PDB file of N, CA and C in Angstrom:
ATOM      1  N   MET A   1     -81.262  10.176  58.104  1.00  0.00           N
ATOM      2  CA  MET A   1     -82.335   9.336  58.243  1.00  0.00           C
ATOM      3  C   MET A   1     -81.879   8.291  58.101  1.00  0.00           C
ATOM      4  N   ALA A   2     -82.644   7.165  58.837  1.00  0.00           N
ATOM      5  CA  ALA A   2     -82.267   5.988  59.232  1.00  0.00           C
ATOM      6  C   ALA A   2     -83.744   5.431  59.493  1.00  0.00           C
ATOM      7  N   PHE A   3     -84.163   3.811  59.290  1.00  0.00           N
ATOM      8  CA  PHE A   3     -85.052   2.873  59.408  1.00  0.00           C
ATOM      9  C   PHE A   3     -84.743   1.583  60.004  1.00  0.00           C
ATOM     10  N   ARG A   4     -85.574   1.056  60.596  1.00  0.00           N
ATOM     11  CA  ARG A   4     -85.401  -0.397  60.651  1.00  0.00           C
ATOM     12  C   ARG A   4     -86.197  -1.408  60.452  1.00  0.00           C
ATOM     13  N   THR A   5     -85.738  -2.820  59.746  1.00  0.00           N
ATOM     14  CA  THR A   5     -86.658  -3.594  59.750  1.00  0.00           C
ATOM     15  C   THR A   5     -86.264  -4.651  60.066  1.00  0.00           C
ATOM     16  N   ARG A   6     -87.353  -5.807  60.366  1.00  0.00           N
ATOM     17  CA  ARG A   6     -87.111  -6.990  61.216  1.00  0.00           C
ATOM     18  C   ARG A   6     -85.611  -7.697  61.041  1.00  0.00           C
ATOM     19  N   CYS A   7     -85.211  -7.481  59.501  1.00  0.00           N
ATOM     20  CA  CYS A   7     -83.812  -7.887  59.305  1.00  0.00           C
ATOM     21  C   CYS A   7     -82.687  -7.093  59.498  1.00  0.00           C
ATOM     22  N   ASN A   8     -82.673  -5.723  59.170  1.00  0.00           N
ATOM     23  CA  ASN A   8     -81.388  -5.273  59.482  1.00  0.00           C
ATOM     24  C   ASN A   8     -82.132  -3.440  59.971  1.00  0.00           C
ATOM     25  N   ASP A   9     -80.769  -2.609  60.177  1.00  0.00           N
ATOM     26  CA  ASP A   9     -81.392  -1.269  59.843  1.00  0.00           C
ATOM     27  C   ASP A   9     -80.366  -1.213  59.020  1.00  0.00           C
ATOM     28  N   TYR A  10     -81.218   0.236  58.205  1.00  0.00           N
ATOM     29  CA  TYR A  10     -80.630   0.878  57.136  1.00  0.00           C
ATOM     30  C   TYR A  10     -80.243   2.607  57.301  1.00  0.00           C
ATOM     31  N   GLU A  11     -79.303   3.200  56.631  1.00  0.00           N
ATOM     32  CA  GLU A  11     -79.526   4.800  56.511  1.00  0.00           C
ATOM     33  C   GLU A  11     -78.843   5.245  55.280  1.00  0.00           C
ATOM     34  N   PHE A  12     -79.767   6.022  55.084  1.00  0.00           N
ATOM     35  CA  PHE A  12     -78.984   7.070  53.659  1.00  0.00           C
ATOM     36  C   PHE A  12     -77.493   7.338  53.936  1.00  0.00           C
ATOM     37  N   LEU A  13     -76.836   7.083  53.089  1.00  0.00           N
ATOM     38  CA  LEU A  13     -75.377   7.585  53.040  1.00  0.00           C
ATOM     39  C   LEU A  13     -75.777   9.237  52.467  1.00  0.00           C
ATOM     40  N   VAL A  14     -76.368   9.580  51.431  1.00  0.00           N
ATOM     41  CA  VAL A  14     -76.971  10.241  50.429  1.00  0.00           C
ATOM     42  C   VAL A  14     -78.653  11.037  51.124  1.00  0.00           C
ATOM     43  N   MET A  15     -79.217  12.057  51.223  1.00  0.00           N
ATOM     44  CA  MET A  15     -80.183  12.267  51.327  1.00  0.00           C
ATOM     45  C   MET A  15     -81.214  11.860  49.751  1.00  0.00           C
ATOM     46  N   SER A  16     -82.399  11.018  50.552  1.00  0.00           N
ATOM     47  CA  SER A  16     -83.222  10.409  49.021  1.00  0.00           C
ATOM     48  C   SER A  16     -83.951  11.474  48.680  1.00  0.00           C
ATOM     49  N   PHE A  17     -84.226  11.576  47.426  1.00  0.00           N
ATOM     50  CA  PHE A  17     -85.283  12.471  46.696  1.00  0.00           C
ATOM     51  C   PHE A  17     -86.427  12.221  47.306  1.00  0.00           C
ATOM     52  N   GLY A  18     -87.145  13.388  47.555  1.00  0.00           N
ATOM     53  CA  GLY A  18     -88.624  13.161  47.552  1.00  0.00           C
ATOM     54  C   GLY A  18     -88.576  12.766  49.455  1.00  0.00           C
ATOM     55  N   LEU A  19     -87.861  13.013  50.349  1.00  0.00           N
ATOM     56  CA  LEU A  19     -88.050  13.199  51.651  1.00  0.00           C
ATOM     57  C   LEU A  19     -88.291  14.509  51.881  1.00  0.00           C
ATOM     58  N   THR A  20     -89.725  14.744  52.233  1.00  0.00           N
ATOM     59  CA  THR A  20     -90.317  16.121  52.595  1.00  0.00           C
ATOM     60  C   THR A  20     -89.953  17.125  53.199  1.00  0.00           C
ATOM     61  N   ASN A  21     -89.808  16.462  54.398  1.00  0.00           N
ATOM     62  CA  ASN A  21     -88.298  16.791  56.020  1.00  0.00           C
ATOM     63  C   ASN A  21     -86.828  16.993  55.915  1.00  0.00           C
ATOM     64  N   ALA A  22     -86.359  16.602  54.526  1.00  0.00           N
ATOM     65  CA  ALA A  22     -85.274  16.095  54.369  1.00  0.00           C
ATOM     66  C   ALA A  22     -84.614  17.609  54.913  1.00  0.00           C
ATOM     67  N   PRO A  23     -84.803  18.812  54.330  1.00  0.00           N
ATOM     68  CA  PRO A  23     -84.360  20.282  54.381  1.00  0.00           C
ATOM     69  C   PRO A  23     -83.839  20.420  55.999  1.00  0.00           C
ATOM     70  N   MET A  24     -84.899  20.293  56.329  1.00  0.00           N
ATOM     71  CA  MET A  24     -85.419  20.573  57.907  1.00  0.00           C
ATOM     72  C   MET A  24     -84.712  19.678  58.414  1.00  0.00           C
ATOM     73  N   THR A  25     -84.520  18.738  58.703  1.00  0.00           N
ATOM     74  CA  THR A  25     -83.405  17.488  59.321  1.00  0.00           C
ATOM     75  C   THR A  25     -82.500  17.663  59.262  1.00  0.00           C
ATOM     76  N   PHE A  26     -81.726  18.091  57.866  1.00  0.00           N
ATOM     77  CA  PHE A  26     -80.558  18.211  57.783  1.00  0.00           C
ATOM     78  C   PHE A  26     -80.181  19.407  58.323  1.00  0.00           C
ATOM     79  N   MET A  27     -80.935  20.752  58.205  1.00  0.00           N
ATOM     80  CA  MET A  27     -80.826  22.166  59.015  1.00  0.00           C
ATOM     81  C   MET A  27     -80.474  22.036  60.327  1.00  0.00           C
ATOM     82  N   ASP A  28     -81.663  20.617  60.977  1.00  0.00           N
ATOM     83  CA  ASP A  28     -81.506  20.759  62.169  1.00  0.00           C
ATOM     84  C   ASP A  28     -79.759  19.820  62.915  1.00  0.00           C
ATOM     85  N   LEU A  29     -79.659  18.561  61.904  1.00  0.00           N
ATOM     86  CA  LEU A  29     -77.993  18.376  62.565  1.00  0.00           C
ATOM     87  C   LEU A  29     -77.358  18.751  62.359  1.00  0.00           C
ATOM     88  N   MET A  30     -76.888  19.810  61.288  1.00  0.00           N
ATOM     89  CA  MET A  30     -76.120  20.896  61.150  1.00  0.00           C
ATOM     90  C   MET A  30     -76.047  22.035  62.017  1.00  0.00           C
ATOM     91  N   ASN A  31     -77.090  22.069  63.038  1.00  0.00           N
ATOM     92  CA  ASN A  31     -77.617  23.229  64.072  1.00  0.00           C
ATOM     93  C   ASN A  31     -76.776  22.803  65.283  1.00  0.00           C
ATOM     94  N   ARG A  32     -76.966  21.344  65.318  1.00  0.00           N
ATOM     95  CA  ARG A  32     -76.600  20.365  66.595  1.00  0.00           C
ATOM     96  C   ARG A  32     -75.311  20.009  66.785  1.00  0.00           C
ATOM     97  N   VAL A  33     -74.577  20.070  65.226  1.00  0.00           N
ATOM     98  CA  VAL A  33     -73.335  19.744  64.811  1.00  0.00           C
ATOM     99  C   VAL A  33     -72.554  20.734  65.315  1.00  0.00           C
ATOM    100  N   PHE A  34     -72.836  22.141  65.065  1.00  0.00           N
ATOM    101  CA  PHE A  34     -71.937  23.231  65.011  1.00  0.00           C
ATOM    102  C   PHE A  34     -72.601  24.202  65.626  1.00  0.00           C
ATOM    103  N   ARG A  35     -73.810  23.502  67.269  1.00  0.00           N
ATOM    104  CA  ARG A  35     -74.054  24.461  68.166  1.00  0.00           C
ATOM    105  C   ARG A  35     -72.728  25.731  68.845  1.00  0.00           C
ATOM    106  N   GLN A  36     -71.995  25.458  69.493  1.00  0.00           N
ATOM    107  CA  GLN A  36     -71.112  25.847  69.958  1.00  0.00           C
ATOM    108  C   GLN A  36     -70.047  26.920  69.311  1.00  0.00           C
ATOM    109  N   TYR A  37     -69.965  26.691  68.032  1.00  0.00           N
ATOM    110  CA  TYR A  37     -69.292  27.952  67.085  1.00  0.00           C
ATOM    111  C   TYR A  37     -70.465  28.619  66.352  1.00  0.00           C
ATOM    112  N   LEU A  38     -72.100  28.368  66.199  1.00  0.00           N
ATOM    113  CA  LEU A  38     -72.524  29.204  65.719  1.00  0.00           C
ATOM    114  C   LEU A  38     -72.019  30.850  66.440  1.00  0.00           C
ATOM    115  N   ASP A  39     -72.503  31.899  65.493  1.00  0.00           N
ATOM    116  CA  ASP A  39     -72.576  33.027  65.841  1.00  0.00           C
ATOM    117  C   ASP A  39     -71.029  33.630  66.521  1.00  0.00           C
ATOM    118  N   MET A  40     -70.497  32.500  66.927  1.00  0.00           N
ATOM    119  CA  MET A  40     -68.879  32.920  67.183  1.00  0.00           C
ATOM    120  C   MET A  40     -68.037  33.242  65.842  1.00  0.00           C
ATOM    121  N   PHE A  41     -68.393  32.416  65.042  1.00  0.00           N
ATOM    122  CA  PHE A  41     -67.684  32.541  63.793  1.00  0.00           C
ATOM    123  C   PHE A  41     -68.031  31.680  62.548  1.00  0.00           C
ATOM    124  N   GLY A  42     -68.833  31.066  62.946  1.00  0.00           N
ATOM    125  CA  GLY A  42     -69.570  30.350  61.978  1.00  0.00           C
ATOM    126  C   GLY A  42     -71.334  30.235  61.732  1.00  0.00           C
ATOM    127  N   ILE A  43     -71.740  30.543  60.598  1.00  0.00           N
ATOM    128  CA  ILE A  43     -72.767  30.414  60.028  1.00  0.00           C
ATOM    129  C   ILE A  43     -73.366  29.203  59.554  1.00  0.00           C
ATOM    130  N   VAL A  44     -74.437  28.778  59.648  1.00  0.00           N
ATOM    131  CA  VAL A  44     -74.334  27.609  58.724  1.00  0.00           C
ATOM    132  C   VAL A  44     -76.340  28.129  58.430  1.00  0.00           C
ATOM    133  N   PHE A  45     -76.400  26.911  57.152  1.00  0.00           N
ATOM    134  CA  PHE A  45     -77.955  27.211  56.202  1.00  0.00           C
ATOM    135  C   PHE A  45     -77.639  26.149  55.761  1.00  0.00           C
ATOM    136  N   ILE A  46     -78.551  25.014  56.166  1.00  0.00           N
ATOM    137  CA  ILE A  46     -78.649  23.708  55.130  1.00  0.00           C
ATOM    138  C   ILE A  46     -77.275  23.283  55.252  1.00  0.00           C
ATOM    139  N   ASP A  47     -76.480  23.488  54.006  1.00  0.00           N
ATOM    140  CA  ASP A  47     -75.083  22.848  53.472  1.00  0.00           C
ATOM    141  C   ASP A  47     -74.434  24.129  53.453  1.00  0.00           C
ATOM    142  N   ASP A  48     -74.592  25.141  53.483  1.00  0.00           N
ATOM    143  CA  ASP A  48     -73.792  25.920  53.406  1.00  0.00           C
ATOM    144  C   ASP A  48     -73.301  26.641  54.762  1.00  0.00           C
ATOM    145  N   ILE A  49     -71.598  26.548  55.267  1.00  0.00           N
ATOM    146  CA  ILE A  49     -70.908  26.749  55.968  1.00  0.00           C
ATOM    147  C   ILE A  49     -70.464  28.134  55.587  1.00  0.00           C
ATOM    148  N   LEU A  50     -70.167  29.274  56.156  1.00  0.00           N
ATOM    149  CA  LEU A  50     -69.863  30.429  56.227  1.00  0.00           C
ATOM    150  C   LEU A  50     -68.879  30.280  57.561  1.00  0.00           C
ATOM    151  N   ILE A  51     -67.839  30.787  57.247  1.00  0.00           N
ATOM    152  CA  ILE A  51     -66.651  30.877  58.407  1.00  0.00           C
ATOM    153  C   ILE A  51     -66.157  32.289  58.279  1.00  0.00           C
ATOM    154  N   CYS A  52     -65.840  33.447  59.508  1.00  0.00           N
ATOM    155  CA  CYS A  52     -65.467  34.484  59.121  1.00  0.00           C
ATOM    156  C   CYS A  52     -64.819  34.510  60.527  1.00  0.00           C
ATOM    157  N   SER A  53     -63.572  35.345  59.988  1.00  0.00           N
ATOM    158  CA  SER A  53     -62.492  35.518  61.050  1.00  0.00           C
ATOM    159  C   SER A  53     -62.122  36.692  60.840  1.00  0.00           C
ATOM    160  N   SER A  54     -61.501  37.349  61.783  1.00  0.00           N
ATOM    161  CA  SER A  54     -60.719  38.839  61.735  1.00  0.00           C
ATOM    162  C   SER A  54     -59.516  38.799  61.317  1.00  0.00           C
ATOM    163  N   SER A  55     -58.683  37.320  61.387  1.00  0.00           N
ATOM    164  CA  SER A  55     -57.024  37.729  60.860  1.00  0.00           C
ATOM    165  C   SER A  55     -57.319  36.371  60.186  1.00  0.00           C
ATOM    166  N   GLU A  56     -55.797  36.211  59.657  1.00  0.00           N
ATOM    167  CA  GLU A  56     -55.761  34.574  59.104  1.00  0.00           C
ATOM    168  C   GLU A  56     -55.421  33.705  59.615  1.00  0.00           C
ATOM    169  N   ASP A  57     -54.732  33.736  60.942  1.00  0.00           N
ATOM    170  CA  ASP A  57     -54.486  32.849  61.756  1.00  0.00           C
ATOM    171  C   ASP A  57     -55.820  32.325  62.365  1.00  0.00           C
ATOM    172  N   ASP A  58     -56.731  33.396  62.772  1.00  0.00           N
ATOM    173  CA  ASP A  58     -57.925  32.881  63.223  1.00  0.00           C
ATOM    174  C   ASP A  58     -58.181  31.904  62.526  1.00  0.00           C
ATOM    175  N   HIS A  59     -58.588  32.505  61.351  1.00  0.00           N
ATOM    176  CA  HIS A  59     -59.118  31.676  60.386  1.00  0.00           C
ATOM    177  C   HIS A  59     -58.664  30.147  59.605  1.00  0.00           C
ATOM    178  N   ILE A  60     -57.233  30.010  60.074  1.00  0.00           N
ATOM    179  CA  ILE A  60     -56.918  28.831  59.739  1.00  0.00           C
ATOM    180  C   ILE A  60     -56.873  28.004  61.232  1.00  0.00           C
ATOM    181  N   ASN A  61     -57.300  28.372  62.343  1.00  0.00           N
ATOM    182  CA  ASN A  61     -57.858  28.026  63.237  1.00  0.00           C
ATOM    183  C   ASN A  61     -59.302  27.420  62.712  1.00  0.00           C
ATOM    184  N   HIS A  62     -60.085  28.267  62.865  1.00  0.00           N
ATOM    185  CA  HIS A  62     -61.347  27.883  62.506  1.00  0.00           C
ATOM    186  C   HIS A  62     -61.568  26.943  61.313  1.00  0.00           C
ATOM    187  N   LEU A  63     -61.095  27.252  60.277  1.00  0.00           N
ATOM    188  CA  LEU A  63     -61.054  26.005  59.181  1.00  0.00           C
ATOM    189  C   LEU A  63     -61.067  24.866  59.972  1.00  0.00           C
ATOM    190  N   ARG A  64     -59.739  24.571  60.938  1.00  0.00           N
ATOM    191  CA  ARG A  64     -59.336  23.330  61.164  1.00  0.00           C
ATOM    192  C   ARG A  64     -60.598  22.690  62.001  1.00  0.00           C
ATOM    193  N   ILE A  65     -61.324  23.498  62.824  1.00  0.00           N
ATOM    194  CA  ILE A  65     -62.312  23.500  63.608  1.00  0.00           C
ATOM    195  C   ILE A  65     -63.974  22.588  62.611  1.00  0.00           C
ATOM    196  N   VAL A  66     -63.811  23.534  61.964  1.00  0.00           N
ATOM    197  CA  VAL A  66     -65.168  23.193  61.013  1.00  0.00           C
ATOM    198  C   VAL A  66     -64.738  21.628  60.107  1.00  0.00           C
ATOM    199  N   LEU A  67     -63.386  21.945  59.613  1.00  0.00           N
ATOM    200  CA  LEU A  67     -63.049  20.178  58.905  1.00  0.00           C
ATOM    201  C   LEU A  67     -63.224  19.099  59.822  1.00  0.00           C
ATOM    202  N   GLN A  68     -63.005  19.239  60.942  1.00  0.00           N
ATOM    203  CA  GLN A  68     -62.448  18.047  61.993  1.00  0.00           C
ATOM    204  C   GLN A  68     -63.784  17.987  62.529  1.00  0.00           C
ATOM    205  N   ILE A  69     -65.235  18.851  62.788  1.00  0.00           N
ATOM    206  CA  ILE A  69     -66.237  18.656  63.325  1.00  0.00           C
ATOM    207  C   ILE A  69     -66.827  17.781  61.966  1.00  0.00           C
ATOM    208  N   LEU A  70     -66.631  18.107  60.589  1.00  0.00           N
ATOM    209  CA  LEU A  70     -67.026  17.325  59.897  1.00  0.00           C
ATOM    210  C   LEU A  70     -66.923  15.652  59.371  1.00  0.00           C
ATOM    211  N   LYS A  71     -65.401  15.652  59.736  1.00  0.00           N
ATOM    212  CA  LYS A  71     -64.538  14.313  60.021  1.00  0.00           C
ATOM    213  C   LYS A  71     -65.254  13.385  60.877  1.00  0.00           C
ATOM    214  N   ASP A  72     -65.342  13.780  62.420  1.00  0.00           N
ATOM    215  CA  ASP A  72     -65.733  13.183  63.004  1.00  0.00           C
ATOM    216  C   ASP A  72     -67.470  13.283  63.489  1.00  0.00           C
ATOM    217  N   GLN A  73     -68.445  13.673  62.572  1.00  0.00           N
ATOM    218  CA  GLN A  73     -69.416  13.150  62.370  1.00  0.00           C
ATOM    219  C   GLN A  73     -69.828  12.867  61.086  1.00  0.00           C
ATOM    220  N   GLN A  74     -68.781  12.372  60.524  1.00  0.00           N
ATOM    221  CA  GLN A  74     -68.499  11.582  59.144  1.00  0.00           C
ATOM    222  C   GLN A  74     -69.754  12.442  58.237  1.00  0.00           C
ATOM    223  N   LEU A  75     -69.424  13.767  58.114  1.00  0.00           N
ATOM    224  CA  LEU A  75     -70.358  14.413  57.010  1.00  0.00           C
ATOM    225  C   LEU A  75     -68.851  14.691  56.213  1.00  0.00           C
ATOM    226  N   PHE A  76     -69.947  14.820  55.019  1.00  0.00           N
ATOM    227  CA  PHE A  76     -68.265  15.127  53.666  1.00  0.00           C
ATOM    228  C   PHE A  76     -68.868  16.845  52.889  1.00  0.00           C
ATOM    229  N   ALA A  77     -67.705  17.365  52.754  1.00  0.00           N
ATOM    230  CA  ALA A  77     -67.439  18.180  52.073  1.00  0.00           C
ATOM    231  C   ALA A  77     -67.211  18.111  50.160  1.00  0.00           C
ATOM    232  N   MET A  78     -67.566  18.297  49.211  1.00  0.00           N
ATOM    233  CA  MET A  78     -67.259  18.471  48.144  1.00  0.00           C
ATOM    234  C   MET A  78     -66.438  19.518  47.577  1.00  0.00           C
ATOM    235  N   PHE A  79     -65.214  19.269  47.489  1.00  0.00           N
ATOM    236  CA  PHE A  79     -63.820  19.948  47.436  1.00  0.00           C
ATOM    237  C   PHE A  79     -63.985  20.675  46.145  1.00  0.00           C
ATOM    238  N   SER A  80     -64.833  20.614  45.060  1.00  0.00           N
ATOM    239  CA  SER A  80     -64.963  21.259  44.119  1.00  0.00           C
ATOM    240  C   SER A  80     -66.381  22.501  44.157  1.00  0.00           C
ATOM    241  N   LYS A  81     -67.082  21.791  45.047  1.00  0.00           N
ATOM    242  CA  LYS A  81     -67.898  23.488  45.779  1.00  0.00           C
ATOM    243  C   LYS A  81     -67.503  24.426  46.877  1.00  0.00           C
ATOM    244  N   CYS A  82     -66.428  24.060  47.237  1.00  0.00           N
ATOM    245  CA  CYS A  82     -65.842  24.911  48.186  1.00  0.00           C
ATOM    246  C   CYS A  82     -65.109  25.956  47.737  1.00  0.00           C
ATOM    247  N   GLU A  83     -64.757  27.255  48.473  1.00  0.00           N
ATOM    248  CA  GLU A  83     -64.328  28.313  48.109  1.00  0.00           C
ATOM    249  C   GLU A  83     -63.365  28.836  49.407  1.00  0.00           C
ATOM    250  N   PHE A  84     -62.167  29.319  49.118  1.00  0.00           N
ATOM    251  CA  PHE A  84     -61.764  29.535  50.545  1.00  0.00           C
ATOM    252  C   PHE A  84     -61.031  30.596  50.449  1.00  0.00           C
ATOM    253  N   TRP A  85     -60.907  31.714  51.629  1.00  0.00           N
ATOM    254  CA  TRP A  85     -59.675  32.801  51.577  1.00  0.00           C
ATOM    255  C   TRP A  85     -60.457  34.074  50.610  1.00  0.00           C
ATOM    256  N   LEU A  86     -61.589  33.968  50.784  1.00  0.00           N
ATOM    257  CA  LEU A  86     -62.340  34.719  50.004  1.00  0.00           C
ATOM    258  C   LEU A  86     -62.314  35.980  50.493  1.00  0.00           C
ATOM    259  N   ARG A  87     -62.041  37.161  50.509  1.00  0.00           N
ATOM    260  CA  ARG A  87     -62.366  38.680  50.909  1.00  0.00           C
ATOM    261  C   ARG A  87     -63.707  39.560  51.066  1.00  0.00           C
ATOM    262  N   PHE A  88     -64.483  38.990  50.397  1.00  0.00           N
ATOM    263  CA  PHE A  88     -65.870  39.165  50.511  1.00  0.00           C
ATOM    264  C   PHE A  88     -66.958  38.029  49.611  1.00  0.00           C
ATOM    265  N   ILE A  89     -68.086  37.761  50.045  1.00  0.00           N
ATOM    266  CA  ILE A  89     -68.888  36.493  49.575  1.00  0.00           C
ATOM    267  C   ILE A  89     -70.030  37.120  49.354  1.00  0.00           C
ATOM    268  N   ASP A  90     -70.955  36.970  48.632  1.00  0.00           N
ATOM    269  CA  ASP A  90     -72.459  37.260  48.620  1.00  0.00           C
ATOM    270  C   ASP A  90     -73.167  35.560  49.075  1.00  0.00           C
ATOM    271  N   PHE A  91     -74.286  36.171  50.196  1.00  0.00           N
ATOM    272  CA  PHE A  91     -74.663  35.143  50.930  1.00  0.00           C
ATOM    273  C   PHE A  91     -76.133  35.288  51.264  1.00  0.00           C
ATOM    274  N   PHE A  92     -77.012  34.764  50.200  1.00  0.00           N
ATOM    275  CA  PHE A  92     -78.456  35.283  50.598  1.00  0.00           C
ATOM    276  C   PHE A  92     -78.856  36.341  50.264  1.00  0.00           C
ATOM    277  N   GLY A  93     -77.909  36.887  49.241  1.00  0.00           N
ATOM    278  CA  GLY A  93     -78.613  38.490  48.612  1.00  0.00           C
ATOM    279  C   GLY A  93     -77.909  39.962  49.650  1.00  0.00           C
ATOM    280  N   HIS A  94     -76.576  39.684  50.516  1.00  0.00           N
ATOM    281  CA  HIS A  94     -76.136  40.592  51.035  1.00  0.00           C
ATOM    282  C   HIS A  94     -74.389  40.499  50.513  1.00  0.00           C
ATOM    283  N   THR A  95     -73.903  40.811  50.575  1.00  0.00           N
ATOM    284  CA  THR A  95     -72.463  40.945  50.648  1.00  0.00           C
ATOM    285  C   THR A  95     -71.821  40.958  51.792  1.00  0.00           C
ATOM    286  N   VAL A  96     -71.057  39.965  52.424  1.00  0.00           N
ATOM    287  CA  VAL A  96     -70.296  39.761  53.680  1.00  0.00           C
ATOM    288  C   VAL A  96     -68.947  40.589  53.130  1.00  0.00           C
ATOM    289  N   SER A  97     -68.235  41.027  53.554  1.00  0.00           N
ATOM    290  CA  SER A  97     -66.340  41.376  53.317  1.00  0.00           C
ATOM    291  C   SER A  97     -66.457  41.810  55.187  1.00  0.00           C
ATOM    292  N   SER A  98     -65.017  42.098  55.122  1.00  0.00           N
ATOM    293  CA  SER A  98     -64.348  43.279  56.389  1.00  0.00           C
ATOM    294  C   SER A  98     -65.103  44.382  56.779  1.00  0.00           C
ATOM    295  N   LYS A  99     -65.704  45.314  55.655  1.00  0.00           N
ATOM    296  CA  LYS A  99     -66.214  46.226  55.999  1.00  0.00           C
ATOM    297  C   LYS A  99     -68.050  46.092  56.806  1.00  0.00           C
ATOM    298  N   GLY A 100     -68.383  44.977  56.940  1.00  0.00           N
ATOM    299  CA  GLY A 100     -69.692  44.693  57.401  1.00  0.00           C
ATOM    300  C   GLY A 100     -70.583  43.590  56.378  1.00  0.00           C
ATOM    301  N   ILE A 101     -71.819  43.828  56.375  1.00  0.00           N
ATOM    302  CA  ILE A 101     -72.572  43.308  55.818  1.00  0.00           C
ATOM    303  C   ILE A 101     -73.727  44.557  55.029  1.00  0.00           C
ATOM    304  N   GLU A 102     -73.418  44.273  53.705  1.00  0.00           N
ATOM    305  CA  GLU A 102     -74.326  45.071  52.818  1.00  0.00           C
ATOM    306  C   GLU A 102     -75.586  44.353  52.235  1.00  0.00           C
ATOM    307  N   VAL A 103     -76.174  45.468  51.332  1.00  0.00           N
ATOM    308  CA  VAL A 103     -77.275  44.438  50.497  1.00  0.00           C
ATOM    309  C   VAL A 103     -76.467  44.246  49.517  1.00  0.00           C
ATOM    310  N   ASP A 104     -76.604  43.280  48.640  1.00  0.00           N
ATOM    311  CA  ASP A 104     -76.131  42.969  47.361  1.00  0.00           C
ATOM    312  C   ASP A 104     -76.644  44.096  46.431  1.00  0.00           C
ATOM    313  N   PRO A 105     -75.756  44.684  46.056  1.00  0.00           N
ATOM    314  CA  PRO A 105     -76.172  46.214  44.884  1.00  0.00           C
ATOM    315  C   PRO A 105     -76.905  45.062  43.653  1.00  0.00           C
ATOM    316  N   LYS A 106     -76.994  44.137  43.009  1.00  0.00           N
ATOM    317  CA  LYS A 106     -77.782  43.556  42.307  1.00  0.00           C
ATOM    318  C   LYS A 106     -79.256  44.085  42.323  1.00  0.00           C
ATOM    319  N   LYS A 107     -79.604  43.734  44.010  1.00  0.00           N
ATOM    320  CA  LYS A 107     -80.796  43.221  44.454  1.00  0.00           C
ATOM    321  C   LYS A 107     -81.813  44.975  44.509  1.00  0.00           C
ATOM    322  N   ASN A 108     -80.000  45.799  44.897  1.00  0.00           N
ATOM    323  CA  ASN A 108     -80.863  47.250  44.556  1.00  0.00           C
ATOM    324  C   ASN A 108     -81.315  47.677  43.485  1.00  0.00           C
ATOM    325  N   ASP A 109     -80.705  47.137  42.662  1.00  0.00           N
ATOM    326  CA  ASP A 109     -81.061  47.597  41.152  1.00  0.00           C
ATOM    327  C   ASP A 109     -82.043  46.801  40.365  1.00  0.00           C
ATOM    328  N   ALA A 110     -82.367  45.613  40.736  1.00  0.00           N
ATOM    329  CA  ALA A 110     -83.488  45.031  40.769  1.00  0.00           C
ATOM    330  C   ALA A 110     -84.868  45.997  41.113  1.00  0.00           C
ATOM    331  N   VAL A 111     -84.630  46.131  42.594  1.00  0.00           N
ATOM    332  CA  VAL A 111     -85.838  46.944  42.760  1.00  0.00           C
ATOM    333  C   VAL A 111     -86.094  48.753  42.058  1.00  0.00           C
ATOM    334  N   LYS A 112     -84.608  49.485  41.878  1.00  0.00           N
ATOM    335  CA  LYS A 112     -85.092  50.284  40.819  1.00  0.00           C
ATOM    336  C   LYS A 112     -85.582  50.314  39.539  1.00  0.00           C
ATOM    337  N   SER A 113     -85.473  49.237  39.374  1.00  0.00           N
ATOM    338  CA  SER A 113     -86.119  48.873  37.838  1.00  0.00           C
ATOM    339  C   SER A 113     -87.358  48.854  37.913  1.00  0.00           C
ATOM    340  N   TRP A 114     -87.582  48.812  38.653  1.00  0.00           N
ATOM    341  CA  TRP A 114     -89.177  48.558  38.703  1.00  0.00           C
ATOM    342  C   TRP A 114     -89.998  49.593  38.378  1.00  0.00           C
ATOM    343  N   PRO A 115     -91.353  49.299  36.984  1.00  0.00           N
ATOM    344  CA  PRO A 115     -91.949  50.535  36.794  1.00  0.00           C
ATOM    345  C   PRO A 115     -92.661  51.245  38.198  1.00  0.00           C
ATOM    346  N   ARG A 116     -92.541  52.723  38.258  1.00  0.00           N
ATOM    347  CA  ARG A 116     -93.306  53.737  38.903  1.00  0.00           C
ATOM    348  C   ARG A 116     -94.573  53.329  38.503  1.00  0.00           C
ATOM    349  N   PRO A 117     -95.529  53.083  39.848  1.00  0.00           N
ATOM    350  CA  PRO A 117     -97.114  52.895  39.763  1.00  0.00           C
ATOM    351  C   PRO A 117     -97.276  54.050  39.263  1.00  0.00           C
ATOM    352  N   LEU A 118     -98.652  54.045  38.558  1.00  0.00           N
ATOM    353  CA  LEU A 118     -99.293  55.727  38.043  1.00  0.00           C
ATOM    354  C   LEU A 118    -100.490  56.128  38.870  1.00  0.00           C
ATOM    355  N   SER A 119    -101.038  54.678  39.704  1.00  0.00           N
ATOM    356  CA  SER A 119    -102.182  55.142  40.478  1.00  0.00           C
ATOM    357  C   SER A 119    -102.124  53.882  41.688  1.00  0.00           C
ATOM    358  N   PRO A 120    -102.856  54.560  42.379  1.00  0.00           N
ATOM    359  CA  PRO A 120    -103.239  53.767  43.544  1.00  0.00           C
ATOM    360  C   PRO A 120    -103.500  52.398  43.583  1.00  0.00           C
ATOM    361  N   SER A 121    -104.440  51.810  42.575  1.00  0.00           N
ATOM    362  CA  SER A 121    -104.851  50.719  42.219  1.00  0.00           C
ATOM    363  C   SER A 121    -103.409  50.157  41.852  1.00  0.00           C
ATOM    364  N   TYR A 122    -102.565  50.579  40.693  1.00  0.00           N
ATOM    365  CA  TYR A 122    -101.327  49.280  40.801  1.00  0.00           C
ATOM    366  C   TYR A 122    -100.721  48.949  41.892  1.00  0.00           C
ATOM    367  N   ILE A 123    -100.458  49.829  43.126  1.00  0.00           N
ATOM    368  CA  ILE A 123     -99.922  49.405  44.209  1.00  0.00           C
ATOM    369  C   ILE A 123    -100.596  48.167  45.288  1.00  0.00           C
ATOM    370  N   ARG A 124    -101.876  48.158  44.569  1.00  0.00           N
ATOM    371  CA  ARG A 124    -102.795  47.302  45.257  1.00  0.00           C
ATOM    372  C   ARG A 124    -102.358  45.856  44.550  1.00  0.00           C
TER     373      ARG A 124
END
């Protein structure tokens, strides 16, 4: 986000609280920055970047590419919030692993624990 006054140009280094279009704007930025790698080995959702690789060598290469793109675009990742070399990950209610994508078992348990409807009016 940037704006211009008669004195100077200003640009936020961190997204200001209360900007209503901030998530959409940031998502658009991330999609543009990673466009050529989306659905090849990268999935981006707002500030989450998921790198999927079939081998360790590929993963090292993909990680280098993503980190270089972030550096080139002057985008920063907080190291304490990063996770590397995971065999599986819970991502938006799904478990992603080498076996594929499965619904998170906790979500199934939540649905199974719903009370059984006693009549059609309970369903409505």
